[in-house]
């Protein structure tokens, strides 16, 4: 055998990462392109304003015309000129559903028509007509 010394050289192993990074980025791009991005459908909500609305009471005023052609609103005597003011006052307190108008059979027709016209000038709620017994 040779007396020569074996020279042991240490080999260094270098790993080149560039091709692997290229493959990873190509796969990433492939999955991003082929993925389907669906926008989820959601219910639309109508959110209430920050103002808390108060519940207004329902009001049904009652007008009465007696046989002397005097007009009463909820058993309180008023004049024809004050009907608008009283309806506006009631509308400020709550929501007017219907208005009841009762006339005595011996009252004048012109008073009934005047009251109806004044009510309809102020509001467009339905008016029910009736007859008083006394």
Protein backbone atom coordinates (compact mmCIF):
# COMPACT_ATOMS: atom_id res chain seq x y z
CA UNK A 1 0.00 0.00 0.00
CA UNK A 2 0.94 3.40 -0.53
CA UNK A 3 2.14 5.27 2.28
CA UNK A 4 0.53 8.24 0.98
CA UNK A 5 -1.81 9.90 3.21
CA UNK A 6 -5.26 10.08 2.16
CA UNK A 7 -6.33 13.57 2.04
CA UNK A 8 -9.70 13.91 3.46
CA UNK A 9 -11.42 16.87 2.09
CA UNK A 10 -14.53 18.08 3.52
CA UNK A 11 -17.16 18.73 0.96
CA UNK A 12 -19.61 21.45 1.66
CA UNK A 13 -23.16 20.88 0.57
CA UNK A 14 -24.90 23.95 -0.74
CA UNK A 15 -28.61 23.86 -1.41
CA UNK A 16 -29.95 26.31 -3.94
CA UNK A 17 -33.39 27.46 -2.77
CA UNK A 18 -34.26 29.57 -5.81
CA UNK A 19 -35.93 26.80 -7.84
CA UNK A 20 -38.01 25.74 -4.84
CA UNK A 21 -39.17 29.31 -4.24
CA UNK A 22 -40.11 29.60 -7.90
CA UNK A 23 -42.24 26.46 -7.64
CA UNK A 24 -43.92 27.71 -4.45
CA UNK A 25 -44.79 31.06 -6.03
CA UNK A 26 -46.08 29.41 -9.18
CA UNK A 27 -48.35 27.15 -7.10
CA UNK A 28 -49.51 30.12 -5.05
CA UNK A 29 -50.37 32.10 -8.17
CA UNK A 30 -52.15 29.07 -9.64
CA UNK A 31 -54.37 28.63 -6.57
CA UNK A 32 -55.17 32.33 -6.35
CA UNK A 33 -56.13 32.52 -10.02
CA UNK A 34 -58.24 29.36 -10.00
CA UNK A 35 -59.98 30.09 -6.72
CA UNK A 36 -63.48 31.50 -7.05
CA UNK A 37 -64.17 34.43 -4.80
CA UNK A 38 -67.89 34.54 -4.15
CA UNK A 39 -69.36 37.45 -2.32
CA UNK A 40 -71.53 36.07 0.40
CA UNK A 41 -75.13 37.16 0.17
CA UNK A 42 -76.39 38.73 3.33
CA UNK A 43 -79.69 40.10 4.46
CA UNK A 44 -80.04 43.85 4.32
CA UNK A 45 -80.98 45.33 7.63
CA UNK A 46 -82.89 48.53 7.97
CA UNK A 47 -81.41 49.90 11.12
CA UNK A 48 -83.36 52.32 13.19
CA UNK A 49 -82.05 55.79 13.71
CA UNK A 50 -80.35 56.62 16.93
CA UNK A 51 -83.37 58.64 17.88
CA UNK A 52 -85.74 56.49 19.86
CA UNK A 53 -89.21 57.20 18.63
CA UNK A 54 -91.92 57.36 21.21
CA UNK A 55 -95.17 55.57 20.65
CA UNK A 56 -97.95 58.06 20.17
CA UNK A 57 -101.34 57.19 21.58
CA UNK A 58 -104.24 56.67 19.19
CA UNK A 59 -106.90 59.36 19.53
CA UNK A 60 -110.47 59.28 18.25
CA UNK A 61 -112.06 62.68 18.88
CA UNK A 62 -115.85 62.91 18.95
CA UNK A 63 -117.72 65.98 17.70
CA UNK A 64 -121.37 66.45 18.66
CA UNK A 65 -123.87 69.00 17.36
CA UNK A 66 -126.95 69.50 19.54
CA UNK A 67 -130.36 70.78 18.47
CA UNK A 68 -129.32 74.40 19.25
CA UNK A 69 -126.43 74.01 16.74
CA UNK A 70 -123.77 74.13 19.45
CA UNK A 71 -120.63 72.15 18.67
CA UNK A 72 -119.00 69.95 21.31
CA UNK A 73 -115.62 68.21 21.14
CA UNK A 74 -115.40 65.33 23.61
CA UNK A 75 -118.26 66.82 25.66
CA UNK A 76 -116.60 70.27 25.77
CA UNK A 77 -118.28 73.14 23.93
CA UNK A 78 -116.22 74.83 21.21
CA UNK A 79 -116.90 77.28 18.40
CA UNK A 80 -116.66 76.60 14.68
CA UNK A 81 -113.58 78.83 14.49
CA UNK A 82 -111.75 76.77 17.13
CA UNK A 83 -112.18 73.36 15.47
CA UNK A 84 -108.87 73.67 13.56
CA UNK A 85 -106.97 74.65 16.71
CA UNK A 86 -108.46 71.78 18.71
CA UNK A 87 -107.69 69.20 16.01
CA UNK A 88 -104.10 70.48 15.77
CA UNK A 89 -103.80 70.25 19.56
CA UNK A 90 -105.06 66.67 19.54
CA UNK A 91 -102.73 65.74 16.66
CA UNK A 92 -99.78 67.06 18.67
CA UNK A 93 -100.70 64.81 21.59
CA UNK A 94 -101.20 61.61 19.58
CA UNK A 95 -102.15 60.08 16.26
CA UNK A 96 -105.75 60.68 15.20
CA UNK A 97 -107.31 57.47 13.83
CA UNK A 98 -110.88 58.44 13.12
CA UNK A 99 -113.14 61.34 13.93
CA UNK A 100 -116.74 60.79 14.97
CA UNK A 101 -119.33 63.45 14.16
CA UNK A 102 -122.83 63.15 15.59
CA UNK A 103 -125.56 65.62 14.85
CA UNK A 104 -128.99 66.00 16.39
CA UNK A 105 -131.83 65.41 13.89
CA UNK A 106 -133.15 68.93 14.55
CA UNK A 107 -129.79 70.66 14.01
CA UNK A 108 -129.19 72.69 10.87
CA UNK A 109 -127.54 71.08 7.89
CA UNK A 110 -125.30 74.10 7.37
CA UNK A 111 -123.71 73.57 10.80
CA UNK A 112 -122.94 69.94 9.97
CA UNK A 113 -121.41 70.91 6.62
CA UNK A 114 -119.37 73.71 8.23
CA UNK A 115 -117.97 71.31 10.83
CA UNK A 116 -117.15 68.70 8.17
CA UNK A 117 -115.41 71.28 5.96
CA UNK A 118 -113.37 72.60 8.88
CA UNK A 119 -112.32 69.08 9.89
CA UNK A 120 -111.30 68.19 6.32
CA UNK A 121 -109.28 71.43 6.00
CA UNK A 122 -107.18 70.36 8.98
CA UNK A 123 -106.79 66.58 8.50
CA UNK A 124 -107.56 63.79 6.07
CA UNK A 125 -108.51 61.07 8.56
CA UNK A 126 -111.85 59.34 8.00
CA UNK A 127 -114.91 60.92 9.57
CA UNK A 128 -117.80 58.73 10.66
CA UNK A 129 -121.21 60.36 10.79
CA UNK A 130 -123.92 59.48 13.29
CA UNK A 131 -126.99 60.79 14.99
CA UNK A 132 -127.43 61.85 18.61
CA UNK A 133 -130.38 60.63 20.60
CA UNK A 134 -130.83 63.66 22.83
